[in-house]
Amino acid sequence: MSQTHMSTVVSVRVPERLRREMERLKDVDWSALLKSAIEERLKRERLKTLWKDVEELRANIPPSRDPDFSTRSVRQDRGR
């Protein structure tokens, strides 16, 4: 099965000065650059959301009843 990737048009308004500068740089694929920038930003936003979720989960974990558990566990794993 092949996947069909639907595309949509997003318009961006830039000041005329920027548009003139963009036109002078003919070797830049502005569409690809903007797509990449949007994808990177969305990725960062998803990671921020995930991190927030993780922090909320961690906040709801009750503290250990045995404060030395971690130390003992690490020492046991190291064979001490």
C-alpha atoms as a PDB file:
ATOM      1  CA  MET A   1       0.000   0.000   0.000  1.00  0.00           C
ATOM      2  CA  SER A   2       1.219   3.465  -0.762  1.00  0.00           C
ATOM      3  CA  GLN A   3       0.641   6.405   1.505  1.00  0.00           C
ATOM      4  CA  THR A   4      -0.712   9.635   0.126  1.00  0.00           C
ATOM      5  CA  HIS A   5       0.614  12.743   1.816  1.00  0.00           C
ATOM      6  CA  MET A   6      -1.862  15.549   1.568  1.00  0.00           C
ATOM      7  CA  SER A   7      -0.469  19.052   1.362  1.00  0.00           C
ATOM      8  CA  THR A   8      -2.054  22.359   2.049  1.00  0.00           C
ATOM      9  CA  VAL A   9      -0.996  25.898   1.274  1.00  0.00           C
ATOM     10  CA  VAL A  10       0.061  28.224   4.084  1.00  0.00           C
ATOM     11  CA  SER A  11       0.671  31.841   3.200  1.00  0.00           C
ATOM     12  CA  VAL A  12       3.183  33.975   5.059  1.00  0.00           C
ATOM     13  CA  ARG A  13       3.291  37.754   4.928  1.00  0.00           C
ATOM     14  CA  VAL A  14       6.737  39.305   5.103  1.00  0.00           C
ATOM     15  CA  PRO A  15       7.779  42.923   4.782  1.00  0.00           C
ATOM     16  CA  GLU A  16       8.600  43.972   1.227  1.00  0.00           C
ATOM     17  CA  ARG A  17      12.236  44.513   2.207  1.00  0.00           C
ATOM     18  CA  LEU A  18      12.552  40.845   3.216  1.00  0.00           C
ATOM     19  CA  ARG A  19      10.849  39.690   0.040  1.00  0.00           C
ATOM     20  CA  ARG A  20      13.358  41.638  -2.080  1.00  0.00           C
ATOM     21  CA  GLU A  21      16.240  40.076  -0.155  1.00  0.00           C
ATOM     22  CA  MET A  22      14.710  36.622  -0.603  1.00  0.00           C
ATOM     23  CA  GLU A  23      14.411  37.164  -4.347  1.00  0.00           C
ATOM     24  CA  ARG A  24      18.131  37.984  -4.540  1.00  0.00           C
ATOM     25  CA  LEU A  25      18.991  34.641  -2.949  1.00  0.00           C
ATOM     26  CA  LYS A  26      17.830  32.461  -5.818  1.00  0.00           C
ATOM     27  CA  ASP A  27      19.665  29.341  -4.600  1.00  0.00           C
ATOM     28  CA  VAL A  28      17.619  29.158  -1.372  1.00  0.00           C
ATOM     29  CA  ASP A  29      14.587  26.867  -1.407  1.00  0.00           C
ATOM     30  CA  TRP A  30      12.398  29.024   0.825  1.00  0.00           C
ATOM     31  CA  SER A  31       9.562  26.503   0.872  1.00  0.00           C
ATOM     32  CA  ALA A  32      11.853  23.728   2.117  1.00  0.00           C
ATOM     33  CA  LEU A  33      13.470  26.079   4.638  1.00  0.00           C
ATOM     34  CA  LEU A  34      10.115  27.090   6.085  1.00  0.00           C
ATOM     35  CA  LYS A  35       8.862  23.494   6.166  1.00  0.00           C
ATOM     36  CA  SER A  36      11.991  22.453   8.030  1.00  0.00           C
ATOM     37  CA  ALA A  37      11.693  25.341  10.497  1.00  0.00           C
ATOM     38  CA  ILE A  38       8.039  24.516  11.154  1.00  0.00           C
ATOM     39  CA  GLU A  39       8.817  20.816  11.659  1.00  0.00           C
ATOM     40  CA  GLU A  40      11.634  21.621  14.092  1.00  0.00           C
ATOM     41  CA  ARG A  41       9.436  23.988  16.086  1.00  0.00           C
ATOM     42  CA  LEU A  42       6.621  21.443  16.260  1.00  0.00           C
ATOM     43  CA  LYS A  43       9.107  18.810  17.428  1.00  0.00           C
ATOM     44  CA  ARG A  44      10.350  21.124  20.212  1.00  0.00           C
ATOM     45  CA  GLU A  45       6.781  21.896  21.261  1.00  0.00           C
ATOM     46  CA  ARG A  46       5.911  18.177  21.393  1.00  0.00           C
ATOM     47  CA  LEU A  47       9.005  17.540  23.519  1.00  0.00           C
ATOM     48  CA  LYS A  48       8.052  20.391  25.860  1.00  0.00           C
ATOM     49  CA  THR A  49       4.606  18.877  26.264  1.00  0.00           C
ATOM     50  CA  LEU A  50       6.069  15.430  26.930  1.00  0.00           C
ATOM     51  CA  TRP A  51       8.522  16.859  29.450  1.00  0.00           C
ATOM     52  CA  LYS A  52       5.692  18.653  31.235  1.00  0.00           C
ATOM     53  CA  ASP A  53       3.748  15.385  31.377  1.00  0.00           C
ATOM     54  CA  VAL A  54       6.787  13.573  32.796  1.00  0.00           C
ATOM     55  CA  GLU A  55       7.272  16.269  35.436  1.00  0.00           C
ATOM     56  CA  GLU A  56       3.610  15.978  36.441  1.00  0.00           C
ATOM     57  CA  LEU A  57       3.969  12.206  36.762  1.00  0.00           C
ATOM     58  CA  ARG A  58       7.129  12.596  38.823  1.00  0.00           C
ATOM     59  CA  ALA A  59       5.401  15.086  41.108  1.00  0.00           C
ATOM     60  CA  ASN A  60       2.738  12.482  41.853  1.00  0.00           C
ATOM     61  CA  ILE A  61       5.202   9.739  42.825  1.00  0.00           C
ATOM     62  CA  PRO A  62       5.313   9.471  46.593  1.00  0.00           C
ATOM     63  CA  PRO A  63       8.738   9.687  48.221  1.00  0.00           C
ATOM     64  CA  SER A  64      10.427   6.458  49.161  1.00  0.00           C
ATOM     65  CA  ARG A  65       9.759   5.175  52.642  1.00  0.00           C
ATOM     66  CA  ASP A  66      13.373   4.053  52.765  1.00  0.00           C
ATOM     67  CA  PRO A  67      15.696   7.013  52.094  1.00  0.00           C
ATOM     68  CA  ASP A  68      18.757   4.730  51.746  1.00  0.00           C
ATOM     69  CA  PHE A  69      17.158   2.383  49.203  1.00  0.00           C
ATOM     70  CA  SER A  70      18.897   3.922  46.175  1.00  0.00           C
ATOM     71  CA  THR A  71      22.313   3.900  47.801  1.00  0.00           C
ATOM     72  CA  ARG A  72      21.952   0.283  48.921  1.00  0.00           C
ATOM     73  CA  SER A  73      20.656  -0.795  45.512  1.00  0.00           C
ATOM     74  CA  VAL A  74      23.573   0.800  43.652  1.00  0.00           C
ATOM     75  CA  ARG A  75      26.118  -0.684  46.057  1.00  0.00           C
ATOM     76  CA  GLN A  76      24.477  -4.098  45.763  1.00  0.00           C
ATOM     77  CA  ASP A  77      24.610  -3.899  41.954  1.00  0.00           C
ATOM     78  CA  ARG A  78      28.293  -2.955  42.156  1.00  0.00           C
ATOM     79  CA  GLY A  79      28.934  -5.967  44.367  1.00  0.00           C
ATOM     80  CA  ARG A  80      29.861  -4.119  47.537  1.00  0.00           C
END
